[in-house]
Amino acid sequence: RRRGNTPLKVFSNEALIFLGVLSLAGAIVFLG
């Protein structure tokens, strides 16, 4: 949603994606 609304805020958008990646890694670890 942020990328659609504020595409010029690259660093904060990528930070949110990075937090999603870390959370997904945690989910995969706990799935295992």
All heavy atoms as atom14 arrays in JSON, in Angstrom:
{
  "sequence": "RRRGNTPLKVFSNEALIFLGVLSLAGAIVFLG",
  "atom14_mask": [
    [1, 1, 1, 1, 1, 1, 1, 1, 1, 1, 1, 0, 0, 0],
    [1, 1, 1, 1, 1, 1, 1, 1, 1, 1, 1, 0, 0, 0],
    [1, 1, 1, 1, 1, 1, 1, 1, 1, 1, 1, 0, 0, 0],
    [1, 1, 1, 1, 0, 0, 0, 0, 0, 0, 0, 0, 0, 0],
    [1, 1, 1, 1, 1, 1, 1, 1, 0, 0, 0, 0, 0, 0],
    [1, 1, 1, 1, 1, 1, 1, 0, 0, 0, 0, 0, 0, 0],
    [1, 1, 1, 1, 1, 1, 1, 0, 0, 0, 0, 0, 0, 0],
    [1, 1, 1, 1, 1, 1, 1, 1, 0, 0, 0, 0, 0, 0],
    [1, 1, 1, 1, 1, 1, 1, 1, 1, 0, 0, 0, 0, 0],
    [1, 1, 1, 1, 1, 1, 1, 0, 0, 0, 0, 0, 0, 0],
    [1, 1, 1, 1, 1, 1, 1, 1, 1, 1, 1, 0, 0, 0],
    [1, 1, 1, 1, 1, 1, 0, 0, 0, 0, 0, 0, 0, 0],
    [1, 1, 1, 1, 1, 1, 1, 1, 0, 0, 0, 0, 0, 0],
    [1, 1, 1, 1, 1, 1, 1, 1, 1, 0, 0, 0, 0, 0],
    [1, 1, 1, 1, 1, 0, 0, 0, 0, 0, 0, 0, 0, 0],
    [1, 1, 1, 1, 1, 1, 1, 1, 0, 0, 0, 0, 0, 0],
    [1, 1, 1, 1, 1, 1, 1, 1, 0, 0, 0, 0, 0, 0],
    [1, 1, 1, 1, 1, 1, 1, 1, 1, 1, 1, 0, 0, 0],
    [1, 1, 1, 1, 1, 1, 1, 1, 0, 0, 0, 0, 0, 0],
    [1, 1, 1, 1, 0, 0, 0, 0, 0, 0, 0, 0, 0, 0],
    [1, 1, 1, 1, 1, 1, 1, 0, 0, 0, 0, 0, 0, 0],
    [1, 1, 1, 1, 1, 1, 1, 1, 0, 0, 0, 0, 0, 0],
    [1, 1, 1, 1, 1, 1, 0, 0, 0, 0, 0, 0, 0, 0],
    [1, 1, 1, 1, 1, 1, 1, 1, 0, 0, 0, 0, 0, 0],
    [1, 1, 1, 1, 1, 0, 0, 0, 0, 0, 0, 0, 0, 0],
    [1, 1, 1, 1, 0, 0, 0, 0, 0, 0, 0, 0, 0, 0],
    [1, 1, 1, 1, 1, 0, 0, 0, 0, 0, 0, 0, 0, 0],
    [1, 1, 1, 1, 1, 1, 1, 1, 0, 0, 0, 0, 0, 0],
    [1, 1, 1, 1, 1, 1, 1, 0, 0, 0, 0, 0, 0, 0],
    [1, 1, 1, 1, 1, 1, 1, 1, 1, 1, 1, 0, 0, 0],
    [1, 1, 1, 1, 1, 1, 1, 1, 0, 0, 0, 0, 0, 0],
    [1, 1, 1, 1, 0, 0, 0, 0, 0, 0, 0, 0, 0, 0]
  ],
  "atom14_positions": [
    [[0.83, -1.21, 0.0], [0.0, 0.0, 0.0], [0.87, 1.26, 0.0], [0.57, 2.22, -0.7], [-0.91, 0.01, 1.22], [-2.14, -0.83, 1.0], [-3.19, -0.55, 2.05], [-3.86, -1.79, 2.32], [-3.98, -2.36, 3.49], [-3.5, -1.77, 4.56], [-4.6, -3.5, 3.64], [0.0, 0.0, 0.0], [0.0, 0.0, 0.0], [0.0, 0.0, 0.0]],
    [[1.92, 1.24, 0.81], [2.8, 2.43, 0.88], [3.49, 2.68, -0.44], [3.69, 3.82, -0.83], [3.86, 2.26, 1.97], [3.41, 2.81, 3.3], [4.54, 2.77, 4.3], [5.67, 3.58, 3.89], [5.87, 4.84, 4.26], [5.01, 5.44, 5.03], [6.93, 5.49, 3.87], [0.0, 0.0, 0.0], [0.0, 0.0, 0.0], [0.0, 0.0, 0.0]],
    [[3.88, 1.61, -1.13], [4.52, 1.8, -2.43], [3.57, 2.44, -3.43], [3.99, 3.19, -4.29], [5.02, 0.48, -2.99], [6.39, 0.13, -2.52], [6.9, -1.02, -3.33], [8.33, -1.09, -3.18], [9.08, -1.9, -3.87], [8.53, -2.72, -4.74], [10.37, -1.92, -3.7], [0.0, 0.0, 0.0], [0.0, 0.0, 0.0], [0.0, 0.0, 0.0]],
    [[2.28, 2.11, -3.31], [1.3, 2.72, -4.2], [1.04, 4.17, -3.85], [0.89, 5.02, -4.73], [0.0, 0.0, 0.0], [0.0, 0.0, 0.0], [0.0, 0.0, 0.0], [0.0, 0.0, 0.0], [0.0, 0.0, 0.0], [0.0, 0.0, 0.0], [0.0, 0.0, 0.0], [0.0, 0.0, 0.0], [0.0, 0.0, 0.0], [0.0, 0.0, 0.0]],
    [[0.98, 4.47, -2.55], [0.67, 5.83, -2.1], [1.87, 6.75, -2.12], [1.76, 7.92, -2.51], [0.08, 5.8, -0.69], [-1.26, 5.09, -0.65], [-1.94, 4.97, -1.65], [-1.63, 4.59, 0.52], [0.0, 0.0, 0.0], [0.0, 0.0, 0.0], [0.0, 0.0, 0.0], [0.0, 0.0, 0.0], [0.0, 0.0, 0.0], [0.0, 0.0, 0.0]],
    [[3.01, 6.26, -1.65], [4.22, 7.1, -1.56], [5.4, 6.35, -2.17], [6.27, 5.85, -1.45], [4.53, 7.47, -0.1], [4.64, 6.26, 0.66], [3.46, 8.35, 0.51], [0.0, 0.0, 0.0], [0.0, 0.0, 0.0], [0.0, 0.0, 0.0], [0.0, 0.0, 0.0], [0.0, 0.0, 0.0], [0.0, 0.0, 0.0], [0.0, 0.0, 0.0]],
    [[5.46, 6.29, -3.5], [6.54, 5.52, -4.14], [7.93, 6.15, -3.99], [8.93, 5.46, -4.15], [6.12, 5.48, -5.61], [5.22, 6.65, -5.79], [4.56, 6.87, -4.47], [0.0, 0.0, 0.0], [0.0, 0.0, 0.0], [0.0, 0.0, 0.0], [0.0, 0.0, 0.0], [0.0, 0.0, 0.0], [0.0, 0.0, 0.0], [0.0, 0.0, 0.0]],
    [[7.99, 7.43, -3.66], [9.29, 8.09, -3.55], [9.98, 7.82, -2.21], [11.17, 8.07, -2.08], [9.14, 9.59, -3.76], [8.65, 10.01, -5.16], [8.5, 11.52, -5.23], [9.59, 9.5, -6.22], [0.0, 0.0, 0.0], [0.0, 0.0, 0.0], [0.0, 0.0, 0.0], [0.0, 0.0, 0.0], [0.0, 0.0, 0.0], [0.0, 0.0, 0.0]],
    [[9.25, 7.29, -1.25], [9.85, 6.97, 0.05], [10.43, 5.56, -0.01], [9.93, 4.61, 0.61], [8.81, 7.09, 1.16], [8.34, 8.52, 1.35], [7.44, 8.65, 2.52], [7.07, 10.11, 2.74], [6.2, 10.29, 3.89], [0.0, 0.0, 0.0], [0.0, 0.0, 0.0], [0.0, 0.0, 0.0], [0.0, 0.0, 0.0], [0.0, 0.0, 0.0]],
    [[11.51, 5.44, -0.75], [12.1, 4.14, -1.07], [12.64, 3.45, 0.18], [12.4, 2.26, 0.4], [13.22, 4.31, -2.12], [13.89, 2.99, -2.42], [12.67, 4.93, -3.38], [0.0, 0.0, 0.0], [0.0, 0.0, 0.0], [0.0, 0.0, 0.0], [0.0, 0.0, 0.0], [0.0, 0.0, 0.0], [0.0, 0.0, 0.0], [0.0, 0.0, 0.0]],
    [[13.34, 4.18, 1.03], [13.99, 3.56, 2.17], [12.99, 3.03, 3.19], [13.14, 1.92, 3.7], [14.97, 4.53, 2.85], [16.15, 4.85, 1.99], [16.38, 6.15, 1.57], [17.02, 3.86, 1.59], [17.47, 6.44, 0.77], [18.1, 4.15, 0.77], [18.32, 5.43, 0.37], [0.0, 0.0, 0.0], [0.0, 0.0, 0.0], [0.0, 0.0, 0.0]],
    [[11.96, 3.79, 3.48], [10.97, 3.31, 4.45], [10.15, 2.16, 3.86], [9.8, 1.22, 4.58], [10.08, 4.44, 4.92], [9.44, 5.06, 3.83], [0.0, 0.0, 0.0], [0.0, 0.0, 0.0], [0.0, 0.0, 0.0], [0.0, 0.0, 0.0], [0.0, 0.0, 0.0], [0.0, 0.0, 0.0], [0.0, 0.0, 0.0], [0.0, 0.0, 0.0]],
    [[9.88, 2.21, 2.56], [9.16, 1.09, 1.93], [10.0, -0.18, 1.96], [9.51, -1.27, 2.25], [8.79, 1.45, 0.5], [7.74, 2.54, 0.42], [7.01, 2.78, 1.37], [7.68, 3.23, -0.7], [0.0, 0.0, 0.0], [0.0, 0.0, 0.0], [0.0, 0.0, 0.0], [0.0, 0.0, 0.0], [0.0, 0.0, 0.0], [0.0, 0.0, 0.0]],
    [[11.28, -0.06, 1.66], [12.17, -1.23, 1.7], [12.36, -1.73, 3.13], [12.54, -2.93, 3.34], [13.53, -0.89, 1.07], [13.49, -0.76, -0.43], [13.22, -2.07, -1.15], [13.71, -3.14, -0.72], [12.48, -2.03, -2.15], [0.0, 0.0, 0.0], [0.0, 0.0, 0.0], [0.0, 0.0, 0.0], [0.0, 0.0, 0.0], [0.0, 0.0, 0.0]],
    [[12.32, -0.84, 4.09], [12.43, -1.26, 5.5], [11.23, -2.11, 5.89], [11.38, -3.12, 6.59], [12.55, -0.05, 6.41], [0.0, 0.0, 0.0], [0.0, 0.0, 0.0], [0.0, 0.0, 0.0], [0.0, 0.0, 0.0], [0.0, 0.0, 0.0], [0.0, 0.0, 0.0], [0.0, 0.0, 0.0], [0.0, 0.0, 0.0], [0.0, 0.0, 0.0]],
    [[10.04, -1.73, 5.42], [8.85, -2.54, 5.7], [8.96, -3.91, 5.04], [8.59, -4.93, 5.63], [7.59, -1.82, 5.22], [7.12, -0.66, 6.06], [5.96, 0.06, 5.38], [6.72, -1.14, 7.44], [0.0, 0.0, 0.0], [0.0, 0.0, 0.0], [0.0, 0.0, 0.0], [0.0, 0.0, 0.0], [0.0, 0.0, 0.0], [0.0, 0.0, 0.0]],
    [[9.47, -3.95, 3.81], [9.65, -5.22, 3.13], [10.67, -6.07, 3.88], [10.5, -7.29, 4.04], [10.08, -4.99, 1.66], [8.94, -4.33, 0.9], [10.47, -6.3, 1.0], [9.32, -3.85, -0.48], [0.0, 0.0, 0.0], [0.0, 0.0, 0.0], [0.0, 0.0, 0.0], [0.0, 0.0, 0.0], [0.0, 0.0, 0.0], [0.0, 0.0, 0.0]],
    [[11.73, -5.44, 4.38], [12.75, -6.17, 5.14], [12.16, -6.77, 6.42], [12.46, -7.91, 6.77], [13.91, -5.24, 5.47], [15.01, -5.89, 6.26], [15.81, -6.85, 5.68], [15.23, -5.55, 7.58], [16.82, -7.46, 6.41], [16.23, -6.15, 8.32], [17.04, -7.1, 7.72], [0.0, 0.0, 0.0], [0.0, 0.0, 0.0], [0.0, 0.0, 0.0]],
    [[11.3, -6.01, 7.11], [10.64, -6.55, 8.3], [9.74, -7.72, 7.93], [9.66, -8.71, 8.68], [9.84, -5.45, 9.0], [10.66, -4.36, 9.69], [9.76, -3.24, 10.18], [11.48, -4.94, 10.82], [0.0, 0.0, 0.0], [0.0, 0.0, 0.0], [0.0, 0.0, 0.0], [0.0, 0.0, 0.0], [0.0, 0.0, 0.0], [0.0, 0.0, 0.0]],
    [[9.1, -7.64, 6.78], [8.29, -8.77, 6.31], [9.13, -9.99, 6.01], [8.75, -11.13, 6.32], [0.0, 0.0, 0.0], [0.0, 0.0, 0.0], [0.0, 0.0, 0.0], [0.0, 0.0, 0.0], [0.0, 0.0, 0.0], [0.0, 0.0, 0.0], [0.0, 0.0, 0.0], [0.0, 0.0, 0.0], [0.0, 0.0, 0.0], [0.0, 0.0, 0.0]],
    [[10.31, -9.77, 5.41], [11.22, -10.87, 5.11], [11.7, -11.54, 6.4], [11.74, -12.77, 6.51], [12.41, -10.37, 4.26], [13.55, -11.37, 4.23], [11.95, -10.05, 2.86], [0.0, 0.0, 0.0], [0.0, 0.0, 0.0], [0.0, 0.0, 0.0], [0.0, 0.0, 0.0], [0.0, 0.0, 0.0], [0.0, 0.0, 0.0], [0.0, 0.0, 0.0]],
    [[12.06, -10.73, 7.39], [12.51, -11.3, 8.67], [11.39, -12.07, 9.36], [11.62, -13.15, 9.92], [13.02, -10.19, 9.59], [14.35, -9.54, 9.2], [14.71, -8.47, 10.2], [15.45, -10.56, 9.1], [0.0, 0.0, 0.0], [0.0, 0.0, 0.0], [0.0, 0.0, 0.0], [0.0, 0.0, 0.0], [0.0, 0.0, 0.0], [0.0, 0.0, 0.0]],
    [[10.18, -11.54, 9.31], [9.04, -12.24, 9.92], [8.76, -13.55, 9.19], [8.44, -14.56, 9.83], [7.79, -11.36, 9.89], [8.01, -10.17, 10.58], [0.0, 0.0, 0.0], [0.0, 0.0, 0.0], [0.0, 0.0, 0.0], [0.0, 0.0, 0.0], [0.0, 0.0, 0.0], [0.0, 0.0, 0.0], [0.0, 0.0, 0.0], [0.0, 0.0, 0.0]],
    [[8.88, -13.53, 7.89], [8.68, -14.76, 7.11], [9.75, -15.79, 7.44], [9.45, -16.99, 7.53], [8.68, -14.45, 5.61], [8.37, -15.61, 4.69], [7.0, -16.19, 4.98], [8.46, -15.16, 3.24], [0.0, 0.0, 0.0], [0.0, 0.0, 0.0], [0.0, 0.0, 0.0], [0.0, 0.0, 0.0], [0.0, 0.0, 0.0], [0.0, 0.0, 0.0]],
    [[10.97, -15.34, 7.66], [12.03, -16.27, 8.05], [11.7, -16.91, 9.4], [11.88, -18.12, 9.59], [13.38, -15.55, 8.13], [0.0, 0.0, 0.0], [0.0, 0.0, 0.0], [0.0, 0.0, 0.0], [0.0, 0.0, 0.0], [0.0, 0.0, 0.0], [0.0, 0.0, 0.0], [0.0, 0.0, 0.0], [0.0, 0.0, 0.0], [0.0, 0.0, 0.0]],
    [[11.19, -16.12, 10.34], [10.77, -16.66, 11.63], [9.65, -17.66, 11.48], [9.63, -18.7, 12.14], [0.0, 0.0, 0.0], [0.0, 0.0, 0.0], [0.0, 0.0, 0.0], [0.0, 0.0, 0.0], [0.0, 0.0, 0.0], [0.0, 0.0, 0.0], [0.0, 0.0, 0.0], [0.0, 0.0, 0.0], [0.0, 0.0, 0.0], [0.0, 0.0, 0.0]],
    [[8.7, -17.37, 10.59], [7.59, -18.29, 10.36], [8.09, -19.62, 9.79], [7.63, -20.69, 10.2], [6.58, -17.66, 9.4], [0.0, 0.0, 0.0], [0.0, 0.0, 0.0], [0.0, 0.0, 0.0], [0.0, 0.0, 0.0], [0.0, 0.0, 0.0], [0.0, 0.0, 0.0], [0.0, 0.0, 0.0], [0.0, 0.0, 0.0], [0.0, 0.0, 0.0]],
    [[9.05, -19.55, 8.9], [9.59, -20.78, 8.3], [10.35, -21.59, 9.33], [10.25, -22.83, 9.39], [10.46, -20.44, 7.07], [9.56, -19.9, 5.95], [11.24, -21.65, 6.59], [10.31, -19.32, 4.79], [0.0, 0.0, 0.0], [0.0, 0.0, 0.0], [0.0, 0.0, 0.0], [0.0, 0.0, 0.0], [0.0, 0.0, 0.0], [0.0, 0.0, 0.0]],
    [[11.1, -20.92, 10.19], [11.83, -21.62, 11.25], [10.86, -22.34, 12.18], [11.04, -23.53, 12.5], [12.73, -20.63, 12.04], [13.2, -21.24, 13.34], [13.9, -20.19, 11.19], [0.0, 0.0, 0.0], [0.0, 0.0, 0.0], [0.0, 0.0, 0.0], [0.0, 0.0, 0.0], [0.0, 0.0, 0.0], [0.0, 0.0, 0.0], [0.0, 0.0, 0.0]],
    [[9.82, -21.64, 12.6], [8.86, -22.27, 13.52], [8.01, -23.32, 12.82], [7.55, -24.27, 13.47], [7.99, -21.21, 14.21], [8.73, -20.47, 15.27], [8.96, -19.11, 15.17], [9.23, -21.14, 16.38], [9.66, -18.44, 16.14], [9.92, -20.47, 17.37], [10.14, -19.11, 17.25], [0.0, 0.0, 0.0], [0.0, 0.0, 0.0], [0.0, 0.0, 0.0]],
    [[7.82, -23.2, 11.51], [7.14, -24.27, 10.77], [7.98, -25.54, 10.79], [7.46, -26.63, 11.03], [6.87, -23.84, 9.32], [6.24, -24.92, 8.43], [4.83, -25.24, 8.93], [6.23, -24.46, 6.99], [0.0, 0.0, 0.0], [0.0, 0.0, 0.0], [0.0, 0.0, 0.0], [0.0, 0.0, 0.0], [0.0, 0.0, 0.0], [0.0, 0.0, 0.0]],
    [[9.28, -25.36, 10.6], [10.18, -26.52, 10.67], [10.18, -27.15, 12.05], [10.19, -28.37, 12.19], [0.0, 0.0, 0.0], [0.0, 0.0, 0.0], [0.0, 0.0, 0.0], [0.0, 0.0, 0.0], [0.0, 0.0, 0.0], [0.0, 0.0, 0.0], [0.0, 0.0, 0.0], [0.0, 0.0, 0.0], [0.0, 0.0, 0.0], [0.0, 0.0, 0.0]]
  ]
}
